[in-house]
């Protein structure tokens, strides 16, 4: 008869110990809250303000600026397509040019795109250093567009006689999004940069790569001719 009583007392003791521990835990939590009530409220308030601020920045500031910049760039691109390059860059007195859009709406997608168009405009004007500056500042998640920007930078360096740098940019453009159209085109451009450097071994290497990897491309049609010329130049 005594044994069951001891078990009951032990079970009762364990239960009391659990509730006592819970009471102590609750008491410590209450003390913690009492002690740090103001800092906790401050942290919570900062988080709420941060969320409100982010929402406000995105919806009340950034999105309206994006819409404005998109409206402005429409006119600039029209001038660029019509080869009215000064109007495209500087505006027509009523609408912003690409430079104004970059400066006024910095941080928007439209301003980033304006850098690409500004680079194209300066390239068309034979202002190659300016073209490189704007195109190098442009960024894109679209690999085709990013490759095009790198290729245009290569074109600008070719024009100013920095053939080795041009080759590097053509290589980057060729490797960004491998496909049967742009990749062989940029590989050929890289080969032409090597021709300018009289690096015949690399010329042959680029055309062999085009012929092997992109045999259906238009660049592959003349590959044998360039390879033969390169081999002949290496012997001389």
C-alpha atoms as a PDB file:
ATOM      1  CA  UNK A   1       0.000   0.000   0.000  1.00  0.00           C
ATOM      2  CA  UNK A   2       2.845   2.378   0.663  1.00  0.00           C
ATOM      3  CA  UNK A   3       4.500   1.892  -2.735  1.00  0.00           C
ATOM      4  CA  UNK A   4       1.611   3.336  -4.799  1.00  0.00           C
ATOM      5  CA  UNK A   5       1.507   6.331  -2.423  1.00  0.00           C
ATOM      6  CA  UNK A   6       5.219   7.022  -3.018  1.00  0.00           C
ATOM      7  CA  UNK A   7       4.644   6.876  -6.789  1.00  0.00           C
ATOM      8  CA  UNK A   8       1.710   9.225  -6.477  1.00  0.00           C
ATOM      9  CA  UNK A   9       3.728  11.658  -4.384  1.00  0.00           C
ATOM     10  CA  UNK A  10       6.609  11.457  -6.888  1.00  0.00           C
ATOM     11  CA  UNK A  11       4.213  12.084  -9.782  1.00  0.00           C
ATOM     12  CA  UNK A  12       2.643  14.941  -7.856  1.00  0.00           C
ATOM     13  CA  UNK A  13       6.082  16.347  -7.115  1.00  0.00           C
ATOM     14  CA  UNK A  14       7.080  16.157 -10.767  1.00  0.00           C
ATOM     15  CA  UNK A  15       3.900  17.945 -11.810  1.00  0.00           C
ATOM     16  CA  UNK A  16       4.504  20.660  -9.210  1.00  0.00           C
ATOM     17  CA  UNK A  17       8.085  21.023 -10.450  1.00  0.00           C
ATOM     18  CA  UNK A  18       6.910  21.503 -14.044  1.00  0.00           C
ATOM     19  CA  UNK A  19       4.380  24.169 -13.057  1.00  0.00           C
ATOM     20  CA  UNK A  20       6.955  25.833 -10.843  1.00  0.00           C
ATOM     21  CA  UNK A  21       9.393  25.952 -13.761  1.00  0.00           C
ATOM     22  CA  UNK A  22       6.674  27.421 -15.974  1.00  0.00           C
ATOM     23  CA  UNK A  23       5.857  30.016 -13.326  1.00  0.00           C
ATOM     24  CA  UNK A  24       9.520  30.952 -13.072  1.00  0.00           C
ATOM     25  CA  UNK A  25       9.811  31.144 -16.859  1.00  0.00           C
ATOM     26  CA  UNK A  26       6.725  33.350 -17.090  1.00  0.00           C
ATOM     27  CA  UNK A  27       8.036  35.524 -14.275  1.00  0.00           C
ATOM     28  CA  UNK A  28      11.400  35.907 -16.015  1.00  0.00           C
ATOM     29  CA  UNK A  29       9.612  36.766 -19.284  1.00  0.00           C
ATOM     30  CA  UNK A  30       7.509  39.365 -17.503  1.00  0.00           C
ATOM     31  CA  UNK A  31      10.608  40.854 -15.912  1.00  0.00           C
ATOM     32  CA  UNK A  32      12.352  40.881 -19.302  1.00  0.00           C
ATOM     33  CA  UNK A  33       9.388  42.645 -20.916  1.00  0.00           C
ATOM     34  CA  UNK A  34       9.144  45.120 -18.039  1.00  0.00           C
ATOM     35  CA  UNK A  35      12.864  45.833 -18.245  1.00  0.00           C
ATOM     36  CA  UNK A  36      13.084  46.082 -22.031  1.00  0.00           C
ATOM     37  CA  UNK A  37       9.593  47.287 -22.825  1.00  0.00           C
ATOM     38  CA  UNK A  38      10.679  50.613 -24.300  1.00  0.00           C
ATOM     39  CA  UNK A  39      13.516  49.180 -26.438  1.00  0.00           C
ATOM     40  CA  UNK A  40      11.197  46.399 -27.693  1.00  0.00           C
ATOM     41  CA  UNK A  41       8.523  48.900 -28.617  1.00  0.00           C
ATOM     42  CA  UNK A  42      11.189  50.996 -30.314  1.00  0.00           C
ATOM     43  CA  UNK A  43      12.463  48.025 -32.354  1.00  0.00           C
ATOM     44  CA  UNK A  44       8.926  47.039 -33.345  1.00  0.00           C
ATOM     45  CA  UNK A  45       8.150  50.625 -34.275  1.00  0.00           C
ATOM     46  CA  UNK A  46      11.317  50.844 -36.374  1.00  0.00           C
ATOM     47  CA  UNK A  47      10.357  47.663 -38.244  1.00  0.00           C
ATOM     48  CA  UNK A  48       6.878  49.001 -38.930  1.00  0.00           C
ATOM     49  CA  UNK A  49       8.250  52.342 -40.072  1.00  0.00           C
ATOM     50  CA  UNK A  50      10.780  50.526 -42.248  1.00  0.00           C
ATOM     51  CA  UNK A  51       8.036  48.530 -43.957  1.00  0.00           C
ATOM     52  CA  UNK A  52       5.912  51.635 -44.425  1.00  0.00           C
ATOM     53  CA  UNK A  53       8.935  53.514 -45.761  1.00  0.00           C
ATOM     54  CA  UNK A  54       9.793  50.745 -48.226  1.00  0.00           C
ATOM     55  CA  UNK A  55       6.192  50.562 -49.430  1.00  0.00           C
ATOM     56  CA  UNK A  56       6.069  54.326 -49.768  1.00  0.00           C
ATOM     57  CA  UNK A  57       9.394  54.460 -51.635  1.00  0.00           C
ATOM     58  CA  UNK A  58       8.334  51.734 -54.062  1.00  0.00           C
ATOM     59  CA  UNK A  59       4.781  52.921 -54.734  1.00  0.00           C
ATOM     60  CA  UNK A  60       4.820  56.654 -54.100  1.00  0.00           C
ATOM     61  CA  UNK A  61       8.309  57.551 -55.321  1.00  0.00           C
ATOM     62  CA  UNK A  62      10.008  54.925 -57.482  1.00  0.00           C
ATOM     63  CA  UNK A  63       7.051  53.764 -59.589  1.00  0.00           C
ATOM     64  CA  UNK A  64       5.876  57.281 -60.551  1.00  0.00           C
ATOM     65  CA  UNK A  65       9.494  58.182 -61.454  1.00  0.00           C
ATOM     66  CA  UNK A  66       9.727  55.028 -63.547  1.00  0.00           C
ATOM     67  CA  UNK A  67       6.564  55.968 -65.431  1.00  0.00           C
ATOM     68  CA  UNK A  68       7.822  59.501 -66.019  1.00  0.00           C
ATOM     69  CA  UNK A  69      11.202  58.271 -67.232  1.00  0.00           C
ATOM     70  CA  UNK A  70       9.561  55.746 -69.570  1.00  0.00           C
ATOM     71  CA  UNK A  71       7.403  58.500 -71.067  1.00  0.00           C
ATOM     72  CA  UNK A  72      10.450  60.715 -71.600  1.00  0.00           C
ATOM     73  CA  UNK A  73      12.658  58.037 -73.167  1.00  0.00           C
ATOM     74  CA  UNK A  74      10.044  57.366 -75.848  1.00  0.00           C
ATOM     75  CA  UNK A  75      10.789  60.680 -77.559  1.00  0.00           C
ATOM     76  CA  UNK A  76      14.550  60.312 -77.203  1.00  0.00           C
ATOM     77  CA  UNK A  77      14.497  56.879 -78.847  1.00  0.00           C
ATOM     78  CA  UNK A  78      12.416  58.235 -81.721  1.00  0.00           C
ATOM     79  CA  UNK A  79      15.078  60.876 -82.359  1.00  0.00           C
ATOM     80  CA  UNK A  80      17.796  58.217 -82.155  1.00  0.00           C
ATOM     81  CA  UNK A  81      16.035  56.018 -84.706  1.00  0.00           C
ATOM     82  CA  UNK A  82      15.729  59.041 -87.006  1.00  0.00           C
ATOM     83  CA  UNK A  83      19.460  59.804 -86.584  1.00  0.00           C
ATOM     84  CA  UNK A  84      18.680  63.135 -84.893  1.00  0.00           C
ATOM     85  CA  UNK A  85      21.474  62.326 -82.496  1.00  0.00           C
ATOM     86  CA  UNK A  86      21.815  65.690 -80.742  1.00  0.00           C
ATOM     87  CA  UNK A  87      18.091  65.798 -79.994  1.00  0.00           C
ATOM     88  CA  UNK A  88      18.272  62.208 -78.809  1.00  0.00           C
ATOM     89  CA  UNK A  89      21.073  63.040 -76.383  1.00  0.00           C
ATOM     90  CA  UNK A  90      20.190  66.578 -75.272  1.00  0.00           C
ATOM     91  CA  UNK A  91      16.442  66.840 -75.864  1.00  0.00           C
ATOM     92  CA  UNK A  92      14.427  69.172 -78.074  1.00  0.00           C
ATOM     93  CA  UNK A  93      13.602  71.864 -75.533  1.00  0.00           C
ATOM     94  CA  UNK A  94      10.276  70.310 -74.620  1.00  0.00           C
ATOM     95  CA  UNK A  95      11.227  66.679 -74.015  1.00  0.00           C
ATOM     96  CA  UNK A  96      14.214  65.298 -72.146  1.00  0.00           C
ATOM     97  CA  UNK A  97      17.139  63.799 -73.969  1.00  0.00           C
ATOM     98  CA  UNK A  98      18.943  60.650 -72.889  1.00  0.00           C
ATOM     99  CA  UNK A  99      21.480  62.572 -70.783  1.00  0.00           C
ATOM    100  CA  UNK A 100      18.683  64.363 -68.885  1.00  0.00           C
ATOM    101  CA  UNK A 101      16.884  61.066 -68.261  1.00  0.00           C
ATOM    102  CA  UNK A 102      20.056  59.492 -66.869  1.00  0.00           C
ATOM    103  CA  UNK A 103      20.679  62.433 -64.545  1.00  0.00           C
ATOM    104  CA  UNK A 104      17.086  63.090 -63.474  1.00  0.00           C
ATOM    105  CA  UNK A 105      15.821  59.535 -63.104  1.00  0.00           C
ATOM    106  CA  UNK A 106      18.952  57.800 -61.882  1.00  0.00           C
ATOM    107  CA  UNK A 107      18.129  54.445 -60.293  1.00  0.00           C
ATOM    108  CA  UNK A 108      15.248  53.624 -62.610  1.00  0.00           C
ATOM    109  CA  UNK A 109      15.238  50.943 -65.302  1.00  0.00           C
ATOM    110  CA  UNK A 110      14.542  53.627 -67.907  1.00  0.00           C
ATOM    111  CA  UNK A 111      17.675  55.563 -66.900  1.00  0.00           C
ATOM    112  CA  UNK A 112      19.718  52.377 -67.180  1.00  0.00           C
ATOM    113  CA  UNK A 113      18.320  51.763 -70.670  1.00  0.00           C
ATOM    114  CA  UNK A 114      19.053  55.385 -71.554  1.00  0.00           C
ATOM    115  CA  UNK A 115      22.747  54.649 -70.943  1.00  0.00           C
ATOM    116  CA  UNK A 116      22.630  51.974 -73.635  1.00  0.00           C
ATOM    117  CA  UNK A 117      20.945  54.300 -76.114  1.00  0.00           C
ATOM    118  CA  UNK A 118      23.325  57.137 -75.246  1.00  0.00           C
ATOM    119  CA  UNK A 119      26.242  54.806 -75.967  1.00  0.00           C
ATOM    120  CA  UNK A 120      24.738  53.974 -79.360  1.00  0.00           C
ATOM    121  CA  UNK A 121      24.199  57.662 -80.132  1.00  0.00           C
ATOM    122  CA  UNK A 122      27.796  58.570 -79.289  1.00  0.00           C
ATOM    123  CA  UNK A 123      29.050  55.604 -81.337  1.00  0.00           C
ATOM    124  CA  UNK A 124      27.081  56.900 -84.322  1.00  0.00           C
ATOM    125  CA  UNK A 125      28.623  60.342 -83.747  1.00  0.00           C
ATOM    126  CA  UNK A 126      32.122  58.770 -83.725  1.00  0.00           C
ATOM    127  CA  UNK A 127      32.538  59.881 -80.101  1.00  0.00           C
ATOM    128  CA  UNK A 128      34.021  56.583 -79.073  1.00  0.00           C
ATOM    129  CA  UNK A 129      35.270  57.352 -75.552  1.00  0.00           C
ATOM    130  CA  UNK A 130      31.820  58.670 -74.618  1.00  0.00           C
ATOM    131  CA  UNK A 131      30.193  55.616 -76.178  1.00  0.00           C
ATOM    132  CA  UNK A 132      32.407  53.323 -74.096  1.00  0.00           C
ATOM    133  CA  UNK A 133      31.608  55.292 -70.932  1.00  0.00           C
ATOM    134  CA  UNK A 134      27.839  54.983 -71.310  1.00  0.00           C
ATOM    135  CA  UNK A 135      27.793  51.400 -72.570  1.00  0.00           C
ATOM    136  CA  UNK A 136      30.098  50.258 -69.777  1.00  0.00           C
ATOM    137  CA  UNK A 137      27.730  51.825 -67.211  1.00  0.00           C
ATOM    138  CA  UNK A 138      24.769  49.937 -68.672  1.00  0.00           C
ATOM    139  CA  UNK A 139      23.737  46.592 -67.138  1.00  0.00           C
ATOM    140  CA  UNK A 140      21.123  44.038 -68.108  1.00  0.00           C
ATOM    141  CA  UNK A 141      19.879  40.641 -66.942  1.00  0.00           C
ATOM    142  CA  UNK A 142      19.006  39.891 -70.554  1.00  0.00           C
ATOM    143  CA  UNK A 143      22.082  38.109 -71.893  1.00  0.00           C
ATOM    144  CA  UNK A 144      21.367  39.026 -75.521  1.00  0.00           C
ATOM    145  CA  UNK A 145      21.144  42.748 -74.743  1.00  0.00           C
ATOM    146  CA  UNK A 146      24.169  42.571 -72.420  1.00  0.00           C
ATOM    147  CA  UNK A 147      26.135  40.823 -75.180  1.00  0.00           C
ATOM    148  CA  UNK A 148      25.123  43.525 -77.632  1.00  0.00           C
ATOM    149  CA  UNK A 149      26.432  46.204 -75.265  1.00  0.00           C
ATOM    150  CA  UNK A 150      29.773  44.378 -74.924  1.00  0.00           C
ATOM    151  CA  UNK A 151      29.964  44.005 -78.690  1.00  0.00           C
ATOM    152  CA  UNK A 152      29.371  47.725 -79.210  1.00  0.00           C
ATOM    153  CA  UNK A 153      32.127  48.527 -76.725  1.00  0.00           C
ATOM    154  CA  UNK A 154      34.347  46.249 -78.811  1.00  0.00           C
ATOM    155  CA  UNK A 155      33.369  48.246 -81.926  1.00  0.00           C
ATOM    156  CA  UNK A 156      34.330  51.486 -80.181  1.00  0.00           C
ATOM    157  CA  UNK A 157      37.736  50.137 -79.159  1.00  0.00           C
ATOM    158  CA  UNK A 158      38.312  48.933 -82.735  1.00  0.00           C
ATOM    159  CA  UNK A 159      37.673  52.467 -83.985  1.00  0.00           C
ATOM    160  CA  UNK A 160      40.251  53.983 -81.635  1.00  0.00           C
ATOM    161  CA  UNK A 161      42.836  51.345 -82.513  1.00  0.00           C
ATOM    162  CA  UNK A 162      42.851  49.371 -79.260  1.00  0.00           C
ATOM    163  CA  UNK A 163      42.479  46.052 -81.026  1.00  0.00           C
ATOM    164  CA  UNK A 164      43.523  43.849 -78.117  1.00  0.00           C
ATOM    165  CA  UNK A 165      40.853  45.363 -75.857  1.00  0.00           C
ATOM    166  CA  UNK A 166      38.295  45.102 -78.660  1.00  0.00           C
ATOM    167  CA  UNK A 167      39.083  41.394 -78.957  1.00  0.00           C
ATOM    168  CA  UNK A 168      38.459  40.927 -75.220  1.00  0.00           C
ATOM    169  CA  UNK A 169      35.020  42.555 -75.453  1.00  0.00           C
ATOM    170  CA  UNK A 170      34.076  40.524 -78.530  1.00  0.00           C
ATOM    171  CA  UNK A 171      35.089  37.383 -76.631  1.00  0.00           C
ATOM    172  CA  UNK A 172      32.850  38.413 -73.720  1.00  0.00           C
ATOM    173  CA  UNK A 173      29.964  39.131 -76.098  1.00  0.00           C
ATOM    174  CA  UNK A 174      30.385  35.770 -77.844  1.00  0.00           C
ATOM    175  CA  UNK A 175      30.351  33.863 -74.555  1.00  0.00           C
ATOM    176  CA  UNK A 176      27.384  35.557 -72.885  1.00  0.00           C
ATOM    177  CA  UNK A 177      24.549  33.793 -74.676  1.00  0.00           C
ATOM    178  CA  UNK A 178      25.763  31.118 -77.046  1.00  0.00           C
ATOM    179  CA  UNK A 179      23.532  30.824 -80.097  1.00  0.00           C
ATOM    180  CA  UNK A 180      23.832  30.386 -83.833  1.00  0.00           C
ATOM    181  CA  UNK A 181      23.421  34.082 -84.647  1.00  0.00           C
ATOM    182  CA  UNK A 182      25.272  36.432 -82.301  1.00  0.00           C
ATOM    183  CA  UNK A 183      28.011  34.048 -81.134  1.00  0.00           C
ATOM    184  CA  UNK A 184      29.599  33.416 -84.558  1.00  0.00           C
ATOM    185  CA  UNK A 185      29.175  37.090 -85.399  1.00  0.00           C
ATOM    186  CA  UNK A 186      31.200  38.173 -82.347  1.00  0.00           C
ATOM    187  CA  UNK A 187      33.752  35.401 -82.884  1.00  0.00           C
ATOM    188  CA  UNK A 188      34.324  36.771 -86.388  1.00  0.00           C
ATOM    189  CA  UNK A 189      34.690  40.280 -84.978  1.00  0.00           C
ATOM    190  CA  UNK A 190      37.256  38.933 -82.512  1.00  0.00           C
ATOM    191  CA  UNK A 191      39.078  37.342 -85.444  1.00  0.00           C
ATOM    192  CA  UNK A 192      39.095  40.682 -87.282  1.00  0.00           C
ATOM    193  CA  UNK A 193      40.607  42.318 -84.193  1.00  0.00           C
ATOM    194  CA  UNK A 194      43.340  39.677 -84.385  1.00  0.00           C
ATOM    195  CA  UNK A 195      43.868  40.431 -88.091  1.00  0.00           C
ATOM    196  CA  UNK A 196      44.535  44.047 -87.100  1.00  0.00           C
ATOM    197  CA  UNK A 197      47.111  42.759 -84.602  1.00  0.00           C
ATOM    198  CA  UNK A 198      48.596  40.320 -87.166  1.00  0.00           C
ATOM    199  CA  UNK A 199      47.887  37.521 -84.716  1.00  0.00           C
ATOM    200  CA  UNK A 200      47.320  34.933 -87.452  1.00  0.00           C
ATOM    201  CA  UNK A 201      47.274  31.946 -85.160  1.00  0.00           C
ATOM    202  CA  UNK A 202      44.317  33.385 -83.233  1.00  0.00           C
ATOM    203  CA  UNK A 203      42.572  34.338 -86.491  1.00  0.00           C
ATOM    204  CA  UNK A 204      42.715  30.715 -87.623  1.00  0.00           C
ATOM    205  CA  UNK A 205      41.605  29.555 -84.171  1.00  0.00           C
ATOM    206  CA  UNK A 206      38.467  31.733 -84.192  1.00  0.00           C
ATOM    207  CA  UNK A 207      37.410  30.610 -87.660  1.00  0.00           C
ATOM    208  CA  UNK A 208      38.076  26.947 -86.875  1.00  0.00           C
ATOM    209  CA  UNK A 209      35.803  27.375 -83.834  1.00  0.00           C
ATOM    210  CA  UNK A 210      33.087  28.990 -85.963  1.00  0.00           C
ATOM    211  CA  UNK A 211      33.345  26.215 -88.570  1.00  0.00           C
ATOM    212  CA  UNK A 212      33.245  23.428 -85.981  1.00  0.00           C
ATOM    213  CA  UNK A 213      30.570  24.827 -83.664  1.00  0.00           C
ATOM    214  CA  UNK A 214      28.355  26.888 -85.973  1.00  0.00           C
ATOM    215  CA  UNK A 215      28.721  25.311 -89.421  1.00  0.00           C
ATOM    216  CA  UNK A 216      25.324  26.639 -90.578  1.00  0.00           C
ATOM    217  CA  UNK A 217      26.140  30.273 -89.798  1.00  0.00           C
ATOM    218  CA  UNK A 218      26.919  32.829 -92.500  1.00  0.00           C
ATOM    219  CA  UNK A 219      30.315  33.400 -90.845  1.00  0.00           C
ATOM    220  CA  UNK A 220      31.223  29.749 -91.426  1.00  0.00           C
ATOM    221  CA  UNK A 221      30.864  30.165 -95.216  1.00  0.00           C
ATOM    222  CA  UNK A 222      34.105  32.171 -95.457  1.00  0.00           C
ATOM    223  CA  UNK A 223      35.882  30.296 -92.647  1.00  0.00           C
ATOM    224  CA  UNK A 224      38.077  28.168 -94.941  1.00  0.00           C
ATOM    225  CA  UNK A 225      39.271  31.245 -96.836  1.00  0.00           C
ATOM    226  CA  UNK A 226      40.327  33.028 -93.627  1.00  0.00           C
ATOM    227  CA  UNK A 227      41.944  29.888 -92.212  1.00  0.00           C
ATOM    228  CA  UNK A 228      43.990  29.425 -95.419  1.00  0.00           C
ATOM    229  CA  UNK A 229      45.093  33.067 -95.403  1.00  0.00           C
ATOM    230  CA  UNK A 230      46.046  32.837 -91.742  1.00  0.00           C
ATOM    231  CA  UNK A 231      48.116  29.691 -92.299  1.00  0.00           C
ATOM    232  CA  UNK A 232      49.859  31.325 -95.263  1.00  0.00           C
ATOM    233  CA  UNK A 233      50.593  34.473 -93.230  1.00  0.00           C
ATOM    234  CA  UNK A 234      52.114  32.369 -90.437  1.00  0.00           C
ATOM    235  CA  UNK A 235      54.577  30.821 -92.916  1.00  0.00           C
ATOM    236  CA  UNK A 236      55.739  34.206 -94.218  1.00  0.00           C
END
